[in-house]
Amino acid sequence: MLFMSSHSWETYPQHPFTKPHTVTGDVRVLRNVAGNDLAARDIYVYLPPSHEQPRYKKHRYPVLYMQDGQNVFDDTLSFAGEWGADETAQRFATASRKRECIIVAIPNAGADRMSEYSPWSRSNPRGTLIGKGDAYLDFVTHTVKPIIDLSFRTQLQAEATGIAGSSLGGLIALYATFTRPHIFGFCAAFSPAIWFAAGQLDTLARHSAIPLAATHPRFYLDMGWREGKARTADGIPAMIADTRRLHGILRERGCAVSYVEDRAGRHNETDWRRRFPKALRLFLDHLPKRV
């Protein structure tokens, strides 16, 4: 291995396989990463083909951090099917080394997923959900990201650092980019649960103290027409209306936004997998010059 840190990364999956796996390319795992008083979890990383080749030992790579990491690389780990992010990244890398990247898959915390992916506390008839979104993002930026930057040859610019997620994972990815644009210069929010924020995300997007236009973050947003049962007065799916509204706010703030409405799209991993290549291509095609 050409680039080592003190962290004990293992090849994933390890032989002998006890279950069939669907991993493509060079995927690593670091066990039991903990920080910021959150539950420990394994961190999975896809490395591009040239990362271990001697002639590219000075080359650095953009990084995309993905939420619900159980679903990113391997059907065996997933609870609802994998996104095939490793297959997509490997295909891009084979076509052009200029499209190589590192993908970091951060699993959710199971029962604490909703709290970790919610920036705000939320009351309902069953009690109060304590939002741990900021604590979770501090874990990502102060624990996970430094490990990744020490372990692998990453590009450190915000423009070359993306964050992605779906549903509540999309919500926390958007929040991360609004509040930490000096770290995340790209956001891919698949079917983001904007409704869950009860208007607070829109307010943040409109009035964030950080001038979004000055930091030039880029956004990929999408939503399926077959997601959710609620409809607006004119018959549009409420989740489509939410995403259209956020899209308009971001455009008003001067942000570059690619917005996709999937007429056949449902709220599931199968459809997010289908749309993932477009988002990854958008991230990789607008990067600063690599060194």
C-alpha atoms as a PDB file:
ATOM      1  CA  MET A   1       0.000   0.000   0.000  1.00  0.00           C
ATOM      2  CA  LEU A   2       1.415   3.352  -1.020  1.00  0.00           C
ATOM      3  CA  PHE A   3      -0.294   5.678   1.418  1.00  0.00           C
ATOM      4  CA  MET A   4      -0.669   4.602   5.034  1.00  0.00           C
ATOM      5  CA  SER A   5      -1.883   6.103   8.276  1.00  0.00           C
ATOM      6  CA  SER A   6      -1.984   4.732  11.811  1.00  0.00           C
ATOM      7  CA  HIS A   7      -5.616   3.698  11.293  1.00  0.00           C
ATOM      8  CA  SER A   8      -6.231  -0.009  10.719  1.00  0.00           C
ATOM      9  CA  TRP A   9      -8.171  -0.121   7.478  1.00  0.00           C
ATOM     10  CA  GLU A  10      -9.217  -3.596   6.337  1.00  0.00           C
ATOM     11  CA  THR A  11     -10.052  -4.775   2.850  1.00  0.00           C
ATOM     12  CA  TYR A  12     -13.811  -5.256   2.513  1.00  0.00           C
ATOM     13  CA  PRO A  13     -15.196  -7.855   2.286  1.00  0.00           C
ATOM     14  CA  GLN A  14     -12.688 -10.215   3.821  1.00  0.00           C
ATOM     15  CA  HIS A  15     -12.362 -13.854   2.805  1.00  0.00           C
ATOM     16  CA  PRO A  16     -13.875 -16.270   3.483  1.00  0.00           C
ATOM     17  CA  PHE A  17     -17.232 -14.754   2.539  1.00  0.00           C
ATOM     18  CA  THR A  18     -20.032 -16.000   4.761  1.00  0.00           C
ATOM     19  CA  LYS A  19     -22.650 -14.326   2.539  1.00  0.00           C
ATOM     20  CA  PRO A  20     -22.649 -13.256  -1.107  1.00  0.00           C
ATOM     21  CA  HIS A  21     -21.350  -9.698  -1.550  1.00  0.00           C
ATOM     22  CA  THR A  22     -21.903  -7.157  -4.299  1.00  0.00           C
ATOM     23  CA  VAL A  23     -18.769  -5.002  -3.879  1.00  0.00           C
ATOM     24  CA  THR A  24     -16.868  -3.747  -6.917  1.00  0.00           C
ATOM     25  CA  GLY A  25     -13.329  -2.352  -6.844  1.00  0.00           C
ATOM     26  CA  ASP A  26     -11.174  -1.458  -3.834  1.00  0.00           C
ATOM     27  CA  VAL A  27     -13.391  -0.984  -0.769  1.00  0.00           C
ATOM     28  CA  ARG A  28     -11.960  -0.633   2.741  1.00  0.00           C
ATOM     29  CA  VAL A  29     -13.502  -0.594   6.205  1.00  0.00           C
ATOM     30  CA  LEU A  30     -12.403   1.000   9.478  1.00  0.00           C
ATOM     31  CA  ARG A  31     -14.129  -0.591  12.450  1.00  0.00           C
ATOM     32  CA  ASN A  32     -15.858   1.070  15.397  1.00  0.00           C
ATOM     33  CA  VAL A  33     -15.230   4.742  14.700  1.00  0.00           C
ATOM     34  CA  ALA A  34     -16.668   6.835  17.519  1.00  0.00           C
ATOM     35  CA  GLY A  35     -16.742  10.502  18.388  1.00  0.00           C
ATOM     36  CA  ASN A  36     -18.791  13.357  19.809  1.00  0.00           C
ATOM     37  CA  ASP A  37     -20.683  11.008  22.162  1.00  0.00           C
ATOM     38  CA  LEU A  38     -22.422   9.299  19.247  1.00  0.00           C
ATOM     39  CA  ALA A  39     -22.688   5.555  18.668  1.00  0.00           C
ATOM     40  CA  ALA A  40     -19.594   3.922  17.175  1.00  0.00           C
ATOM     41  CA  ARG A  41     -19.910   2.625  13.616  1.00  0.00           C
ATOM     42  CA  ASP A  42     -17.806   1.123  10.843  1.00  0.00           C
ATOM     43  CA  ILE A  43     -16.765   3.487   8.045  1.00  0.00           C
ATOM     44  CA  TYR A  44     -16.542   2.194   4.450  1.00  0.00           C
ATOM     45  CA  VAL A  45     -14.420   3.760   1.723  1.00  0.00           C
ATOM     46  CA  TYR A  46     -14.242   3.158  -2.012  1.00  0.00           C
ATOM     47  CA  LEU A  47     -10.805   3.952  -3.514  1.00  0.00           C
ATOM     48  CA  PRO A  48     -10.301   4.640  -7.225  1.00  0.00           C
ATOM     49  CA  PRO A  49      -8.066   2.302  -9.258  1.00  0.00           C
ATOM     50  CA  SER A  50      -5.101   4.674  -9.536  1.00  0.00           C
ATOM     51  CA  HIS A  51      -4.845   5.362  -5.790  1.00  0.00           C
ATOM     52  CA  GLU A  52      -2.543   2.378  -5.282  1.00  0.00           C
ATOM     53  CA  GLN A  53      -0.548   2.747  -8.506  1.00  0.00           C
ATOM     54  CA  PRO A  54       3.026   4.052  -8.021  1.00  0.00           C
ATOM     55  CA  ARG A  55       2.933   6.427 -10.981  1.00  0.00           C
ATOM     56  CA  TYR A  56       0.004   8.318  -9.423  1.00  0.00           C
ATOM     57  CA  LYS A  57       1.423   8.499  -5.896  1.00  0.00           C
ATOM     58  CA  LYS A  58       1.226  12.306  -5.862  1.00  0.00           C
ATOM     59  CA  HIS A  59      -2.297  12.430  -7.244  1.00  0.00           C
ATOM     60  CA  ARG A  60      -5.116  13.608  -4.953  1.00  0.00           C
ATOM     61  CA  TYR A  61      -8.810  12.822  -5.244  1.00  0.00           C
ATOM     62  CA  PRO A  62     -12.162  14.510  -4.617  1.00  0.00           C
ATOM     63  CA  VAL A  63     -14.246  12.955  -1.858  1.00  0.00           C
ATOM     64  CA  LEU A  64     -17.988  12.369  -1.580  1.00  0.00           C
ATOM     65  CA  TYR A  65     -19.372  11.623   1.905  1.00  0.00           C
ATOM     66  CA  MET A  66     -22.583   9.568   1.789  1.00  0.00           C
ATOM     67  CA  GLN A  67     -25.158   9.009   4.524  1.00  0.00           C
ATOM     68  CA  ASP A  68     -26.955   5.717   5.286  1.00  0.00           C
ATOM     69  CA  GLY A  69     -23.662   4.061   4.436  1.00  0.00           C
ATOM     70  CA  GLN A  70     -25.053   0.550   4.883  1.00  0.00           C
ATOM     71  CA  ASN A  71     -26.822   1.005   1.554  1.00  0.00           C
ATOM     72  CA  VAL A  72     -23.983   2.464  -0.503  1.00  0.00           C
ATOM     73  CA  PHE A  73     -21.757  -0.462  -1.614  1.00  0.00           C
ATOM     74  CA  ASP A  74     -23.096  -3.871  -0.614  1.00  0.00           C
ATOM     75  CA  ASP A  75     -26.479  -5.588  -0.645  1.00  0.00           C
ATOM     76  CA  THR A  76     -25.331  -7.744   2.266  1.00  0.00           C
ATOM     77  CA  LEU A  77     -25.060  -4.678   4.524  1.00  0.00           C
ATOM     78  CA  SER A  78     -28.099  -2.842   3.212  1.00  0.00           C
ATOM     79  CA  PHE A  79     -31.541  -2.774   4.760  1.00  0.00           C
ATOM     80  CA  ALA A  80     -33.290  -1.849   1.506  1.00  0.00           C
ATOM     81  CA  GLY A  81     -30.861  -2.536  -1.342  1.00  0.00           C
ATOM     82  CA  GLU A  82     -27.586  -0.877  -2.301  1.00  0.00           C
ATOM     83  CA  TRP A  83     -26.989   2.223  -4.418  1.00  0.00           C
ATOM     84  CA  GLY A  84     -24.193   0.675  -6.487  1.00  0.00           C
ATOM     85  CA  ALA A  85     -21.999   3.700  -5.788  1.00  0.00           C
ATOM     86  CA  ASP A  86     -18.887   1.533  -6.137  1.00  0.00           C
ATOM     87  CA  GLU A  87     -20.022   0.197  -9.534  1.00  0.00           C
ATOM     88  CA  THR A  88     -20.804   3.725 -10.740  1.00  0.00           C
ATOM     89  CA  ALA A  89     -17.506   5.148  -9.523  1.00  0.00           C
ATOM     90  CA  GLN A  90     -15.568   2.234 -11.014  1.00  0.00           C
ATOM     91  CA  ARG A  91     -17.312   2.695 -14.357  1.00  0.00           C
ATOM     92  CA  PHE A  92     -16.521   6.414 -14.376  1.00  0.00           C
ATOM     93  CA  ALA A  93     -12.881   5.734 -13.456  1.00  0.00           C
ATOM     94  CA  THR A  94     -12.511   3.154 -16.222  1.00  0.00           C
ATOM     95  CA  ALA A  95     -13.852   5.635 -18.769  1.00  0.00           C
ATOM     96  CA  SER A  96     -11.654   8.530 -17.613  1.00  0.00           C
ATOM     97  CA  ARG A  97      -9.105   8.962 -14.834  1.00  0.00           C
ATOM     98  CA  LYS A  98     -10.302  12.570 -14.590  1.00  0.00           C
ATOM     99  CA  ARG A  99     -13.507  11.185 -13.089  1.00  0.00           C
ATOM    100  CA  GLU A 100     -11.893   9.180 -10.300  1.00  0.00           C
ATOM    101  CA  CYS A 101     -12.995   9.902  -6.750  1.00  0.00           C
ATOM    102  CA  ILE A 102     -13.070   8.561  -3.209  1.00  0.00           C
ATOM    103  CA  ILE A 103     -16.485   7.719  -1.747  1.00  0.00           C
ATOM    104  CA  VAL A 104     -16.945   7.530   2.029  1.00  0.00           C
ATOM    105  CA  ALA A 105     -20.020   5.638   3.265  1.00  0.00           C
ATOM    106  CA  ILE A 106     -21.042   6.517   6.838  1.00  0.00           C
ATOM    107  CA  PRO A 107     -23.672   4.114   8.206  1.00  0.00           C
ATOM    108  CA  ASN A 108     -26.570   5.502  10.176  1.00  0.00           C
ATOM    109  CA  ALA A 109     -26.983   4.761  13.866  1.00  0.00           C
ATOM    110  CA  GLY A 110     -30.096   2.616  13.588  1.00  0.00           C
ATOM    111  CA  ALA A 111     -32.591   3.761  16.210  1.00  0.00           C
ATOM    112  CA  ASP A 112     -30.832   7.145  16.423  1.00  0.00           C
ATOM    113  CA  ARG A 113     -30.943   7.754  12.670  1.00  0.00           C
ATOM    114  CA  MET A 114     -33.834  10.190  12.842  1.00  0.00           C
ATOM    115  CA  SER A 115     -32.205  12.214  15.620  1.00  0.00           C
ATOM    116  CA  GLU A 116     -28.792  12.325  13.969  1.00  0.00           C
ATOM    117  CA  TYR A 117     -30.181  13.401  10.614  1.00  0.00           C
ATOM    118  CA  SER A 118     -32.443  16.089  12.108  1.00  0.00           C
ATOM    119  CA  PRO A 119     -30.836  19.488  12.783  1.00  0.00           C
ATOM    120  CA  TRP A 120     -33.821  20.582  14.889  1.00  0.00           C
ATOM    121  CA  SER A 121     -35.819  19.043  17.718  1.00  0.00           C
ATOM    122  CA  ARG A 122     -39.376  18.142  16.828  1.00  0.00           C
ATOM    123  CA  SER A 123     -42.440  17.436  18.942  1.00  0.00           C
ATOM    124  CA  ASN A 124     -45.200  15.004  18.076  1.00  0.00           C
ATOM    125  CA  PRO A 125     -47.986  13.235  20.007  1.00  0.00           C
ATOM    126  CA  ARG A 126     -45.541  10.502  21.037  1.00  0.00           C
ATOM    127  CA  GLY A 127     -42.999  12.890  22.523  1.00  0.00           C
ATOM    128  CA  THR A 128     -40.082  15.080  21.475  1.00  0.00           C
ATOM    129  CA  LEU A 129     -37.395  14.071  19.025  1.00  0.00           C
ATOM    130  CA  ILE A 130     -34.104  15.636  20.082  1.00  0.00           C
ATOM    131  CA  GLY A 131     -32.279  16.845  16.986  1.00  0.00           C
ATOM    132  CA  LYS A 132     -28.630  15.774  16.987  1.00  0.00           C
ATOM    133  CA  GLY A 133     -27.835  17.019  13.484  1.00  0.00           C
ATOM    134  CA  ASP A 134     -25.087  19.410  14.534  1.00  0.00           C
ATOM    135  CA  ALA A 135     -23.492  16.797  16.787  1.00  0.00           C
ATOM    136  CA  TYR A 136     -23.591  14.312  13.917  1.00  0.00           C
ATOM    137  CA  LEU A 137     -22.009  16.756  11.458  1.00  0.00           C
ATOM    138  CA  ASP A 138     -19.322  17.581  14.007  1.00  0.00           C
ATOM    139  CA  PHE A 139     -18.594  13.844  14.105  1.00  0.00           C
ATOM    140  CA  VAL A 140     -18.366  13.777  10.303  1.00  0.00           C
ATOM    141  CA  THR A 141     -16.157  16.881  10.030  1.00  0.00           C
ATOM    142  CA  HIS A 142     -14.023  16.542  13.171  1.00  0.00           C
ATOM    143  CA  THR A 143     -13.660  12.754  13.433  1.00  0.00           C
ATOM    144  CA  VAL A 144     -14.388  11.006  10.128  1.00  0.00           C
ATOM    145  CA  LYS A 145     -13.024  13.583   7.682  1.00  0.00           C
ATOM    146  CA  PRO A 146      -9.631  13.987   9.447  1.00  0.00           C
ATOM    147  CA  ILE A 147      -9.231  10.193   9.422  1.00  0.00           C
ATOM    148  CA  ILE A 148      -9.997  10.083   5.708  1.00  0.00           C
ATOM    149  CA  ASP A 149      -7.615  12.969   4.959  1.00  0.00           C
ATOM    150  CA  LEU A 150      -4.813  11.294   6.928  1.00  0.00           C
ATOM    151  CA  SER A 151      -5.429   7.841   5.469  1.00  0.00           C
ATOM    152  CA  PHE A 152      -5.864   8.656   1.786  1.00  0.00           C
ATOM    153  CA  ARG A 153      -4.738  11.256  -0.732  1.00  0.00           C
ATOM    154  CA  THR A 154      -7.676  13.626  -0.711  1.00  0.00           C
ATOM    155  CA  GLN A 155      -8.234  17.026  -2.221  1.00  0.00           C
ATOM    156  CA  LEU A 156      -8.922  19.368   0.670  1.00  0.00           C
ATOM    157  CA  GLN A 157     -10.740  22.208  -1.100  1.00  0.00           C
ATOM    158  CA  ALA A 158     -14.432  22.586  -0.352  1.00  0.00           C
ATOM    159  CA  GLU A 159     -15.150  22.433  -4.098  1.00  0.00           C
ATOM    160  CA  ALA A 160     -13.724  18.907  -4.118  1.00  0.00           C
ATOM    161  CA  THR A 161     -15.604  17.758  -0.999  1.00  0.00           C
ATOM    162  CA  GLY A 162     -19.216  16.686  -1.406  1.00  0.00           C
ATOM    163  CA  ILE A 163     -21.918  15.357   0.864  1.00  0.00           C
ATOM    164  CA  ALA A 164     -24.896  13.270  -0.232  1.00  0.00           C
ATOM    165  CA  GLY A 165     -27.917  11.511   1.185  1.00  0.00           C
ATOM    166  CA  SER A 166     -31.527  10.558   0.599  1.00  0.00           C
ATOM    167  CA  SER A 167     -34.698  11.371   2.521  1.00  0.00           C
ATOM    168  CA  LEU A 168     -33.555  12.442   6.003  1.00  0.00           C
ATOM    169  CA  GLY A 169     -30.004  11.843   4.776  1.00  0.00           C
ATOM    170  CA  GLY A 170     -30.723  14.419   2.077  1.00  0.00           C
ATOM    171  CA  LEU A 171     -32.016  16.829   4.712  1.00  0.00           C
ATOM    172  CA  ILE A 172     -28.818  16.621   6.770  1.00  0.00           C
ATOM    173  CA  ALA A 173     -26.700  16.911   3.602  1.00  0.00           C
ATOM    174  CA  LEU A 174     -28.469  20.168   2.713  1.00  0.00           C
ATOM    175  CA  TYR A 175     -28.101  21.466   6.256  1.00  0.00           C
ATOM    176  CA  ALA A 176     -24.397  20.600   6.208  1.00  0.00           C
ATOM    177  CA  THR A 177     -23.848  22.593   3.032  1.00  0.00           C
ATOM    178  CA  PHE A 178     -25.821  25.617   4.298  1.00  0.00           C
ATOM    179  CA  THR A 179     -23.983  25.720   7.627  1.00  0.00           C
ATOM    180  CA  ARG A 180     -20.535  24.420   6.618  1.00  0.00           C
ATOM    181  CA  PRO A 181     -19.901  25.594   3.034  1.00  0.00           C
ATOM    182  CA  HIS A 182     -16.226  26.064   3.891  1.00  0.00           C
ATOM    183  CA  ILE A 183     -16.087  22.239   4.161  1.00  0.00           C
ATOM    184  CA  PHE A 184     -18.722  20.991   1.701  1.00  0.00           C
ATOM    185  CA  GLY A 185     -18.803  22.654  -1.703  1.00  0.00           C
ATOM    186  CA  PHE A 186     -21.200  20.158  -3.266  1.00  0.00           C
ATOM    187  CA  CYS A 187     -24.454  18.632  -2.042  1.00  0.00           C
ATOM    188  CA  ALA A 188     -26.521  15.841  -3.588  1.00  0.00           C
ATOM    189  CA  ALA A 189     -29.922  15.602  -1.898  1.00  0.00           C
ATOM    190  CA  PHE A 190     -32.044  12.735  -3.209  1.00  0.00           C
ATOM    191  CA  SER A 191     -35.727  13.032  -2.269  1.00  0.00           C
ATOM    192  CA  PRO A 192     -34.840  15.239   0.718  1.00  0.00           C
ATOM    193  CA  ALA A 193     -37.276  15.172   3.648  1.00  0.00           C
ATOM    194  CA  ILE A 194     -37.832  18.929   3.547  1.00  0.00           C
ATOM    195  CA  TRP A 195     -41.256  18.490   5.132  1.00  0.00           C
ATOM    196  CA  PHE A 196     -39.630  17.083   8.269  1.00  0.00           C
ATOM    197  CA  ALA A 197     -37.925  20.430   8.940  1.00  0.00           C
ATOM    198  CA  ALA A 198     -41.311  22.214   9.168  1.00  0.00           C
ATOM    199  CA  GLY A 199     -40.140  25.250   7.209  1.00  0.00           C
ATOM    200  CA  GLN A 200     -36.871  25.681   9.096  1.00  0.00           C
ATOM    201  CA  LEU A 201     -34.732  24.509   6.183  1.00  0.00           C
ATOM    202  CA  ASP A 202     -36.316  27.086   3.864  1.00  0.00           C
ATOM    203  CA  THR A 203     -35.655  29.803   6.427  1.00  0.00           C
ATOM    204  CA  LEU A 204     -32.049  28.729   6.768  1.00  0.00           C
ATOM    205  CA  ALA A 205     -31.602  28.663   2.999  1.00  0.00           C
ATOM    206  CA  ARG A 206     -33.031  32.173   2.712  1.00  0.00           C
ATOM    207  CA  HIS A 207     -31.378  33.844   5.687  1.00  0.00           C
ATOM    208  CA  SER A 208     -28.207  31.917   6.548  1.00  0.00           C
ATOM    209  CA  ALA A 209     -25.550  34.236   7.941  1.00  0.00           C
ATOM    210  CA  ILE A 210     -23.105  32.587   5.548  1.00  0.00           C
ATOM    211  CA  PRO A 211     -23.556  34.151   2.084  1.00  0.00           C
ATOM    212  CA  LEU A 212     -24.121  31.119  -0.082  1.00  0.00           C
ATOM    213  CA  ALA A 213     -23.529  32.974  -3.333  1.00  0.00           C
ATOM    214  CA  ALA A 214     -20.087  34.056  -2.122  1.00  0.00           C
ATOM    215  CA  THR A 215     -19.025  30.496  -1.309  1.00  0.00           C
ATOM    216  CA  HIS A 216     -20.388  29.048  -4.576  1.00  0.00           C
ATOM    217  CA  PRO A 217     -21.641  25.672  -3.332  1.00  0.00           C
ATOM    218  CA  ARG A 218     -23.241  23.474  -5.992  1.00  0.00           C
ATOM    219  CA  PHE A 219     -26.392  21.435  -5.511  1.00  0.00           C
ATOM    220  CA  TYR A 220     -28.064  18.409  -7.041  1.00  0.00           C
ATOM    221  CA  LEU A 221     -31.727  18.057  -5.993  1.00  0.00           C
ATOM    222  CA  ASP A 222     -34.272  15.493  -7.080  1.00  0.00           C
ATOM    223  CA  MET A 223     -37.706  14.194  -6.209  1.00  0.00           C
ATOM    224  CA  GLY A 224     -40.038  11.541  -7.591  1.00  0.00           C
ATOM    225  CA  TRP A 225     -43.665  12.184  -8.486  1.00  0.00           C
ATOM    226  CA  ARG A 226     -44.710   8.933  -6.818  1.00  0.00           C
ATOM    227  CA  GLU A 227     -43.303   9.837  -3.395  1.00  0.00           C
ATOM    228  CA  GLY A 228     -45.741  10.475  -0.569  1.00  0.00           C
ATOM    229  CA  LYS A 229     -49.518  10.631  -0.630  1.00  0.00           C
ATOM    230  CA  ALA A 230     -50.032  14.295   0.308  1.00  0.00           C
ATOM    231  CA  ARG A 231     -51.028  16.697  -2.469  1.00  0.00           C
ATOM    232  CA  THR A 232     -51.226  20.463  -2.747  1.00  0.00           C
ATOM    233  CA  ALA A 233     -54.495  22.219  -3.589  1.00  0.00           C
ATOM    234  CA  ASP A 234     -53.653  22.021  -7.294  1.00  0.00           C
ATOM    235  CA  GLY A 235     -52.884  18.299  -7.149  1.00  0.00           C
ATOM    236  CA  ILE A 236     -49.068  18.430  -7.134  1.00  0.00           C
ATOM    237  CA  PRO A 237     -47.327  15.976  -4.780  1.00  0.00           C
ATOM    238  CA  ALA A 238     -46.439  17.925  -1.642  1.00  0.00           C
ATOM    239  CA  MET A 239     -42.851  16.641  -1.720  1.00  0.00           C
ATOM    240  CA  ILE A 240     -42.477  17.936  -5.288  1.00  0.00           C
ATOM    241  CA  ALA A 241     -43.787  21.327  -4.173  1.00  0.00           C
ATOM    242  CA  ASP A 242     -41.328  21.382  -1.251  1.00  0.00           C
ATOM    243  CA  THR A 243     -38.376  20.633  -3.502  1.00  0.00           C
ATOM    244  CA  ARG A 244     -39.436  23.128  -6.163  1.00  0.00           C
ATOM    245  CA  ARG A 245     -39.652  25.808  -3.491  1.00  0.00           C
ATOM    246  CA  LEU A 246     -36.159  25.050  -2.178  1.00  0.00           C
ATOM    247  CA  HIS A 247     -34.823  24.954  -5.731  1.00  0.00           C
ATOM    248  CA  GLY A 248     -36.199  28.453  -6.271  1.00  0.00           C
ATOM    249  CA  ILE A 249     -34.654  29.760  -3.053  1.00  0.00           C
ATOM    250  CA  LEU A 250     -31.226  28.401  -3.970  1.00  0.00           C
ATOM    251  CA  ARG A 251     -31.427  29.917  -7.433  1.00  0.00           C
ATOM    252  CA  GLU A 252     -32.357  33.275  -5.898  1.00  0.00           C
ATOM    253  CA  ARG A 253     -29.267  33.038  -3.673  1.00  0.00           C
ATOM    254  CA  GLY A 254     -27.066  32.596  -6.714  1.00  0.00           C
ATOM    255  CA  CYS A 255     -26.279  28.906  -6.238  1.00  0.00           C
ATOM    256  CA  ALA A 256     -25.720  26.487  -9.116  1.00  0.00           C
ATOM    257  CA  VAL A 257     -28.495  23.879  -8.882  1.00  0.00           C
ATOM    258  CA  SER A 258     -29.303  20.841 -10.991  1.00  0.00           C
ATOM    259  CA  TYR A 259     -32.896  19.813 -10.279  1.00  0.00           C
ATOM    260  CA  VAL A 260     -34.485  16.556 -11.452  1.00  0.00           C
ATOM    261  CA  GLU A 261     -38.125  15.518 -11.212  1.00  0.00           C
ATOM    262  CA  ASP A 262     -38.531  11.810 -11.808  1.00  0.00           C
ATOM    263  CA  ARG A 263     -42.052  11.106 -13.066  1.00  0.00           C
ATOM    264  CA  ALA A 264     -41.752   7.414 -12.173  1.00  0.00           C
ATOM    265  CA  GLY A 265     -39.680   7.986  -9.043  1.00  0.00           C
ATOM    266  CA  ARG A 266     -40.573   6.375  -5.725  1.00  0.00           C
ATOM    267  CA  HIS A 267     -39.004   6.803  -2.293  1.00  0.00           C
ATOM    268  CA  ASN A 268     -36.567   3.898  -2.403  1.00  0.00           C
ATOM    269  CA  GLU A 269     -32.974   2.838  -2.973  1.00  0.00           C
ATOM    270  CA  THR A 270     -33.717   1.404  -6.404  1.00  0.00           C
ATOM    271  CA  ASP A 271     -34.683   4.806  -7.779  1.00  0.00           C
ATOM    272  CA  TRP A 272     -31.899   6.658  -5.956  1.00  0.00           C
ATOM    273  CA  ARG A 273     -29.431   4.194  -7.428  1.00  0.00           C
ATOM    274  CA  ARG A 274     -30.784   4.954 -10.882  1.00  0.00           C
ATOM    275  CA  ARG A 275     -30.330   8.705 -10.402  1.00  0.00           C
ATOM    276  CA  PHE A 276     -26.986   8.542  -8.567  1.00  0.00           C
ATOM    277  CA  PRO A 277     -24.752   8.564 -11.699  1.00  0.00           C
ATOM    278  CA  LYS A 278     -26.134  11.948 -12.774  1.00  0.00           C
ATOM    279  CA  ALA A 279     -25.315  13.455  -9.374  1.00  0.00           C
ATOM    280  CA  LEU A 280     -21.826  11.949  -9.256  1.00  0.00           C
ATOM    281  CA  ARG A 281     -21.082  13.176 -12.762  1.00  0.00           C
ATOM    282  CA  LEU A 282     -22.201  16.677 -11.785  1.00  0.00           C
ATOM    283  CA  PHE A 283     -19.844  16.613  -8.803  1.00  0.00           C
ATOM    284  CA  LEU A 284     -16.831  15.379 -10.770  1.00  0.00           C
ATOM    285  CA  ASP A 285     -17.235  17.524 -13.877  1.00  0.00           C
ATOM    286  CA  HIS A 286     -16.875  20.847 -12.023  1.00  0.00           C
ATOM    287  CA  LEU A 287     -13.793  20.427  -9.875  1.00  0.00           C
ATOM    288  CA  PRO A 288     -10.665  22.540  -9.322  1.00  0.00           C
ATOM    289  CA  LYS A 289      -7.474  21.386 -10.998  1.00  0.00           C
ATOM    290  CA  ARG A 290      -6.045  18.337  -9.256  1.00  0.00           C
ATOM    291  CA  VAL A 291      -2.524  18.151  -7.906  1.00  0.00           C
END
